[in-house]
N, C-alpha and C. Protein backbone atom coordinates (compact mmCIF):
# COMPACT_ATOMS: atom_id res chain seq x y z
N MET A 1 -60.22 -2.15 -72.56
CA MET A 1 -59.12 -1.88 -71.65
C MET A 1 -58.01 -1.18 -72.42
N LYS A 2 -57.29 -0.33 -71.73
CA LYS A 2 -56.12 0.33 -72.32
C LYS A 2 -54.89 0.03 -71.48
N ILE A 3 -53.76 -0.14 -72.18
CA ILE A 3 -52.48 -0.33 -71.53
C ILE A 3 -51.52 0.73 -72.06
N ALA A 4 -50.61 1.18 -71.21
CA ALA A 4 -49.64 2.20 -71.60
C ALA A 4 -48.23 1.66 -71.43
N LEU A 5 -47.35 2.10 -72.33
CA LEU A 5 -45.95 1.68 -72.29
C LEU A 5 -45.06 2.91 -72.47
N PRO A 6 -44.15 3.20 -71.51
CA PRO A 6 -43.22 4.32 -71.68
C PRO A 6 -42.30 4.00 -72.86
N THR A 7 -42.21 4.92 -73.81
CA THR A 7 -41.59 4.61 -75.10
C THR A 7 -40.49 5.59 -75.48
N LYS A 8 -39.46 5.01 -76.10
CA LYS A 8 -38.39 5.79 -76.72
C LYS A 8 -38.03 5.07 -78.01
N GLN A 9 -38.21 5.73 -79.13
CA GLN A 9 -37.90 5.15 -80.44
C GLN A 9 -38.59 3.80 -80.63
N ASN A 10 -39.86 3.74 -80.28
CA ASN A 10 -40.72 2.57 -80.45
C ASN A 10 -40.34 1.37 -79.58
N ASN A 11 -39.47 1.57 -78.62
CA ASN A 11 -39.08 0.53 -77.67
C ASN A 11 -39.43 0.98 -76.25
N ILE A 12 -39.55 0.02 -75.35
CA ILE A 12 -39.77 0.36 -73.94
C ILE A 12 -38.58 1.20 -73.47
N ASP A 13 -38.88 2.34 -72.89
CA ASP A 13 -37.83 3.18 -72.29
C ASP A 13 -37.60 2.65 -70.88
N ASN A 14 -36.38 2.28 -70.59
CA ASN A 14 -36.07 1.71 -69.28
C ASN A 14 -36.22 2.71 -68.14
N HIS A 15 -36.30 3.98 -68.45
CA HIS A 15 -36.45 4.99 -67.40
C HIS A 15 -37.80 5.69 -67.58
N PHE A 16 -38.81 5.18 -66.91
CA PHE A 16 -40.19 5.65 -67.00
C PHE A 16 -40.31 7.17 -66.99
N GLY A 17 -39.65 7.82 -66.05
CA GLY A 17 -39.82 9.26 -65.86
C GLY A 17 -39.20 10.13 -66.92
N HIS A 18 -38.44 9.55 -67.83
CA HIS A 18 -37.78 10.35 -68.86
C HIS A 18 -38.12 9.89 -70.26
N CYS A 19 -39.18 9.10 -70.43
CA CYS A 19 -39.51 8.56 -71.75
C CYS A 19 -39.92 9.68 -72.71
N GLU A 20 -39.79 9.40 -74.02
CA GLU A 20 -40.17 10.38 -75.05
C GLU A 20 -41.68 10.57 -75.08
N TYR A 21 -42.43 9.47 -74.94
CA TYR A 21 -43.89 9.49 -74.99
C TYR A 21 -44.40 8.17 -74.46
N PHE A 22 -45.71 8.06 -74.32
CA PHE A 22 -46.35 6.82 -73.91
C PHE A 22 -47.15 6.27 -75.08
N THR A 23 -46.93 5.00 -75.39
CA THR A 23 -47.75 4.33 -76.38
C THR A 23 -48.91 3.70 -75.62
N VAL A 24 -50.12 3.99 -76.07
CA VAL A 24 -51.32 3.46 -75.43
C VAL A 24 -52.04 2.56 -76.43
N PHE A 25 -52.23 1.30 -76.04
CA PHE A 25 -52.96 0.35 -76.87
C PHE A 25 -54.33 0.10 -76.25
N THR A 26 -55.35 0.07 -77.11
CA THR A 26 -56.69 -0.33 -76.68
C THR A 26 -56.82 -1.81 -77.00
N ILE A 27 -57.29 -2.57 -76.01
CA ILE A 27 -57.42 -4.02 -76.11
C ILE A 27 -58.90 -4.39 -76.04
N ASP A 28 -59.35 -5.25 -76.96
CA ASP A 28 -60.76 -5.67 -76.92
C ASP A 28 -60.94 -6.90 -76.03
N ASP A 29 -62.17 -7.37 -75.93
CA ASP A 29 -62.48 -8.51 -75.06
C ASP A 29 -61.83 -9.81 -75.51
N ASN A 30 -61.38 -9.86 -76.76
CA ASN A 30 -60.72 -11.05 -77.30
C ASN A 30 -59.19 -10.95 -77.21
N LYS A 31 -58.71 -9.99 -76.41
CA LYS A 31 -57.28 -9.75 -76.22
C LYS A 31 -56.56 -9.41 -77.53
N LYS A 32 -57.21 -8.59 -78.33
CA LYS A 32 -56.63 -8.10 -79.58
C LYS A 32 -56.45 -6.59 -79.48
N ILE A 33 -55.34 -6.10 -80.03
CA ILE A 33 -55.10 -4.66 -80.07
C ILE A 33 -55.99 -4.05 -81.15
N THR A 34 -56.82 -3.08 -80.76
CA THR A 34 -57.74 -2.47 -81.72
C THR A 34 -57.38 -1.02 -82.04
N ASN A 35 -56.50 -0.42 -81.24
CA ASN A 35 -56.12 0.97 -81.49
C ASN A 35 -54.79 1.26 -80.82
N GLN A 36 -54.06 2.19 -81.41
CA GLN A 36 -52.80 2.65 -80.83
C GLN A 36 -52.80 4.17 -80.86
N GLU A 37 -52.42 4.78 -79.75
CA GLU A 37 -52.31 6.23 -79.69
C GLU A 37 -51.05 6.62 -78.94
N ILE A 38 -50.65 7.84 -79.13
CA ILE A 38 -49.46 8.38 -78.47
C ILE A 38 -49.90 9.46 -77.49
N VAL A 39 -49.38 9.37 -76.27
CA VAL A 39 -49.63 10.39 -75.26
C VAL A 39 -48.29 11.03 -74.94
N ALA A 40 -48.23 12.35 -75.07
CA ALA A 40 -46.98 13.07 -74.82
C ALA A 40 -46.52 12.88 -73.39
N SER A 41 -45.22 12.76 -73.22
CA SER A 41 -44.64 12.68 -71.89
C SER A 41 -44.57 14.07 -71.30
N PRO A 42 -44.98 14.23 -70.05
CA PRO A 42 -44.93 15.57 -69.43
C PRO A 42 -43.50 15.99 -69.14
N VAL A 43 -43.33 17.28 -69.01
CA VAL A 43 -42.03 17.80 -68.61
C VAL A 43 -41.82 17.44 -67.14
N GLY A 44 -40.64 16.97 -66.83
CA GLY A 44 -40.35 16.60 -65.45
C GLY A 44 -40.44 15.11 -65.25
N CYS A 45 -40.23 14.69 -64.05
CA CYS A 45 -40.20 13.26 -63.74
C CYS A 45 -41.60 12.67 -63.68
N GLY A 46 -41.70 11.41 -64.04
CA GLY A 46 -42.97 10.72 -64.11
C GLY A 46 -43.78 10.76 -62.84
N CYS A 47 -43.16 10.43 -61.71
CA CYS A 47 -43.93 10.32 -60.47
C CYS A 47 -44.35 11.68 -59.92
N LYS A 48 -43.71 12.74 -60.37
CA LYS A 48 -44.04 14.07 -59.88
C LYS A 48 -44.85 14.87 -60.90
N SER A 49 -45.17 14.26 -62.03
CA SER A 49 -45.95 14.93 -63.06
C SER A 49 -47.41 14.51 -62.93
N ASN A 50 -48.21 14.93 -63.89
CA ASN A 50 -49.62 14.57 -63.90
C ASN A 50 -49.90 13.37 -64.79
N ILE A 51 -48.87 12.61 -65.18
CA ILE A 51 -49.07 11.54 -66.16
C ILE A 51 -49.98 10.43 -65.64
N ALA A 52 -49.91 10.09 -64.37
CA ALA A 52 -50.78 9.04 -63.84
C ALA A 52 -52.25 9.44 -63.98
N GLN A 53 -52.55 10.67 -63.63
CA GLN A 53 -53.93 11.17 -63.74
C GLN A 53 -54.35 11.24 -65.20
N THR A 54 -53.47 11.73 -66.06
CA THR A 54 -53.78 11.83 -67.49
C THR A 54 -54.09 10.46 -68.09
N LEU A 55 -53.24 9.48 -67.80
CA LEU A 55 -53.45 8.13 -68.34
C LEU A 55 -54.72 7.51 -67.76
N SER A 56 -54.96 7.71 -66.48
CA SER A 56 -56.17 7.18 -65.85
C SER A 56 -57.42 7.77 -66.48
N GLU A 57 -57.40 9.07 -66.76
CA GLU A 57 -58.55 9.75 -67.34
C GLU A 57 -58.91 9.23 -68.73
N ILE A 58 -57.92 8.71 -69.47
CA ILE A 58 -58.23 8.18 -70.80
C ILE A 58 -58.50 6.67 -70.76
N GLY A 59 -58.52 6.10 -69.56
CA GLY A 59 -58.92 4.71 -69.40
C GLY A 59 -57.80 3.70 -69.29
N VAL A 60 -56.56 4.15 -69.08
CA VAL A 60 -55.45 3.20 -68.92
C VAL A 60 -55.60 2.47 -67.59
N GLU A 61 -55.49 1.14 -67.65
CA GLU A 61 -55.59 0.32 -66.45
C GLU A 61 -54.29 -0.41 -66.13
N PHE A 62 -53.36 -0.45 -67.09
CA PHE A 62 -52.13 -1.21 -66.89
C PHE A 62 -50.96 -0.48 -67.53
N MET A 63 -49.81 -0.47 -66.85
CA MET A 63 -48.57 0.09 -67.37
C MET A 63 -47.56 -1.04 -67.50
N LEU A 64 -47.03 -1.23 -68.69
CA LEU A 64 -45.96 -2.20 -68.93
C LEU A 64 -44.69 -1.39 -69.07
N ALA A 65 -43.76 -1.53 -68.14
CA ALA A 65 -42.60 -0.65 -68.08
C ALA A 65 -41.30 -1.43 -67.94
N GLY A 66 -40.21 -0.71 -68.16
CA GLY A 66 -38.90 -1.29 -67.93
C GLY A 66 -38.62 -1.29 -66.44
N ASN A 67 -38.22 -0.17 -65.94
CA ASN A 67 -37.90 -0.02 -64.54
C ASN A 67 -38.47 1.30 -64.06
N MET A 68 -38.86 1.35 -62.81
CA MET A 68 -39.33 2.61 -62.22
C MET A 68 -39.23 2.52 -60.72
N GLY A 69 -39.17 3.65 -60.11
CA GLY A 69 -39.07 3.71 -58.66
C GLY A 69 -40.38 3.39 -57.98
N GLU A 70 -40.28 3.09 -56.69
CA GLU A 70 -41.48 2.77 -55.90
C GLU A 70 -42.45 3.94 -55.85
N GLY A 71 -41.93 5.17 -55.87
CA GLY A 71 -42.81 6.35 -55.85
C GLY A 71 -43.70 6.38 -57.08
N ALA A 72 -43.14 6.10 -58.24
CA ALA A 72 -43.92 6.08 -59.48
C ALA A 72 -44.94 4.95 -59.46
N VAL A 73 -44.53 3.78 -58.98
CA VAL A 73 -45.46 2.65 -58.88
C VAL A 73 -46.63 3.04 -57.99
N ARG A 74 -46.35 3.65 -56.85
CA ARG A 74 -47.38 4.05 -55.89
C ARG A 74 -48.35 5.08 -56.51
N VAL A 75 -47.79 6.08 -57.20
CA VAL A 75 -48.62 7.11 -57.83
C VAL A 75 -49.54 6.49 -58.89
N LEU A 76 -48.99 5.60 -59.71
CA LEU A 76 -49.80 4.94 -60.73
C LEU A 76 -50.87 4.06 -60.08
N ASN A 77 -50.49 3.28 -59.08
CA ASN A 77 -51.46 2.43 -58.38
C ASN A 77 -52.57 3.26 -57.76
N ASN A 78 -52.22 4.41 -57.18
CA ASN A 78 -53.22 5.28 -56.57
C ASN A 78 -54.18 5.87 -57.59
N SER A 79 -53.77 5.87 -58.87
CA SER A 79 -54.63 6.34 -59.95
C SER A 79 -55.37 5.18 -60.63
N GLY A 80 -55.27 4.00 -60.04
CA GLY A 80 -55.98 2.86 -60.59
C GLY A 80 -55.25 2.13 -61.70
N ILE A 81 -53.94 2.36 -61.83
CA ILE A 81 -53.15 1.74 -62.89
C ILE A 81 -52.20 0.72 -62.26
N GLU A 82 -52.34 -0.54 -62.67
CA GLU A 82 -51.43 -1.59 -62.22
C GLU A 82 -50.15 -1.49 -63.03
N VAL A 83 -49.03 -1.92 -62.45
CA VAL A 83 -47.72 -1.80 -63.09
C VAL A 83 -47.05 -3.16 -63.19
N LEU A 84 -46.48 -3.43 -64.35
CA LEU A 84 -45.65 -4.61 -64.55
C LEU A 84 -44.29 -4.11 -65.03
N ARG A 85 -43.24 -4.40 -64.23
CA ARG A 85 -41.89 -3.93 -64.54
C ARG A 85 -41.05 -5.05 -65.15
N GLY A 86 -39.93 -4.66 -65.75
CA GLY A 86 -39.00 -5.63 -66.30
C GLY A 86 -39.18 -5.88 -67.79
N CYS A 87 -39.96 -5.03 -68.46
CA CYS A 87 -40.20 -5.19 -69.89
C CYS A 87 -39.09 -4.52 -70.69
N SER A 88 -38.84 -5.04 -71.89
CA SER A 88 -37.87 -4.42 -72.80
C SER A 88 -38.20 -4.83 -74.22
N GLY A 89 -37.75 -4.00 -75.16
CA GLY A 89 -37.95 -4.31 -76.57
C GLY A 89 -39.04 -3.48 -77.21
N ASP A 90 -39.44 -3.88 -78.41
CA ASP A 90 -40.46 -3.21 -79.20
C ASP A 90 -41.79 -3.18 -78.42
N VAL A 91 -42.43 -2.01 -78.37
CA VAL A 91 -43.63 -1.86 -77.54
C VAL A 91 -44.78 -2.77 -77.97
N LYS A 92 -44.97 -2.94 -79.26
CA LYS A 92 -46.07 -3.80 -79.70
C LYS A 92 -45.78 -5.26 -79.35
N GLU A 93 -44.53 -5.69 -79.52
CA GLU A 93 -44.16 -7.06 -79.15
C GLU A 93 -44.34 -7.29 -77.66
N VAL A 94 -43.98 -6.29 -76.85
CA VAL A 94 -44.16 -6.41 -75.39
C VAL A 94 -45.65 -6.53 -75.07
N ALA A 95 -46.48 -5.69 -75.70
CA ALA A 95 -47.92 -5.75 -75.46
C ALA A 95 -48.47 -7.12 -75.84
N LEU A 96 -48.04 -7.66 -76.97
CA LEU A 96 -48.52 -8.98 -77.40
C LEU A 96 -48.07 -10.08 -76.44
N LYS A 97 -46.85 -9.98 -75.92
CA LYS A 97 -46.39 -10.97 -74.93
C LYS A 97 -47.22 -10.88 -73.65
N TRP A 98 -47.56 -9.67 -73.25
CA TRP A 98 -48.40 -9.50 -72.06
C TRP A 98 -49.78 -10.11 -72.30
N LEU A 99 -50.32 -9.87 -73.48
CA LEU A 99 -51.64 -10.40 -73.81
C LEU A 99 -51.67 -11.93 -73.82
N ASP A 100 -50.56 -12.56 -74.23
CA ASP A 100 -50.56 -14.02 -74.24
C ASP A 100 -50.12 -14.62 -72.90
N GLY A 101 -49.89 -13.73 -71.91
CA GLY A 101 -49.60 -14.20 -70.56
C GLY A 101 -48.16 -14.59 -70.29
N SER A 102 -47.24 -14.21 -71.18
CA SER A 102 -45.86 -14.64 -71.00
C SER A 102 -44.97 -13.64 -70.28
N LEU A 103 -45.53 -12.55 -69.75
CA LEU A 103 -44.75 -11.58 -68.98
C LEU A 103 -45.12 -11.63 -67.50
N THR A 104 -44.12 -11.49 -66.65
CA THR A 104 -44.35 -11.37 -65.22
C THR A 104 -43.55 -10.18 -64.69
N ASP A 105 -44.02 -9.63 -63.61
CA ASP A 105 -43.36 -8.47 -63.02
C ASP A 105 -42.00 -8.87 -62.45
N SER A 106 -40.98 -8.07 -62.78
CA SER A 106 -39.63 -8.35 -62.28
C SER A 106 -39.46 -7.96 -60.82
N GLY A 107 -40.29 -7.03 -60.36
CA GLY A 107 -40.17 -6.55 -58.99
C GLY A 107 -39.03 -5.59 -58.78
N ASP A 108 -38.26 -5.32 -59.87
CA ASP A 108 -37.12 -4.40 -59.77
C ASP A 108 -37.60 -2.97 -59.71
N SER A 109 -36.99 -2.21 -58.85
CA SER A 109 -37.30 -0.80 -58.71
C SER A 109 -36.03 0.03 -58.70
N CYS A 110 -36.16 1.24 -59.21
CA CYS A 110 -35.05 2.18 -59.11
C CYS A 110 -34.94 2.61 -57.66
N HIS A 111 -33.73 2.67 -57.14
CA HIS A 111 -33.53 3.15 -55.78
C HIS A 111 -32.90 4.53 -55.77
N GLU A 112 -32.34 4.92 -56.88
CA GLU A 112 -31.76 6.25 -57.02
C GLU A 112 -32.69 7.07 -57.89
N HIS A 113 -32.95 8.29 -57.50
CA HIS A 113 -33.83 9.16 -58.28
C HIS A 113 -32.97 10.21 -58.95
N GLU A 114 -32.96 10.19 -60.27
CA GLU A 114 -32.09 11.08 -61.02
C GLU A 114 -32.82 12.28 -61.60
N CYS A 115 -33.96 12.61 -61.06
CA CYS A 115 -34.73 13.74 -61.56
C CYS A 115 -34.18 15.04 -60.95
N HIS A 116 -34.00 16.00 -61.81
CA HIS A 116 -33.46 17.29 -61.32
C HIS A 116 -34.45 18.39 -61.61
């Protein structure tokens, strides 16, 4: 399984559509991180870019994010990627917390879209 985290300076970027890049972790059957890769963030806003398709094509099944709008959640879900919002901090620490079951979705969504 692969999980993706919108990243800025090795931390969760609270604004999914404007992150510097996506950190993608490969997780084995024992819930251990076996690989880390970087996927470039597309130009433009997340929900209107091809990032959902790109991440889906490389096997991402889960997005651990800070905050994102309902449009982005819908686009990711339509590409087979589940979303957990409300994450913050170092991306590897967030991934490890998710793996041990200590993260839950905040349900918070952006209501204002600042993409130009």
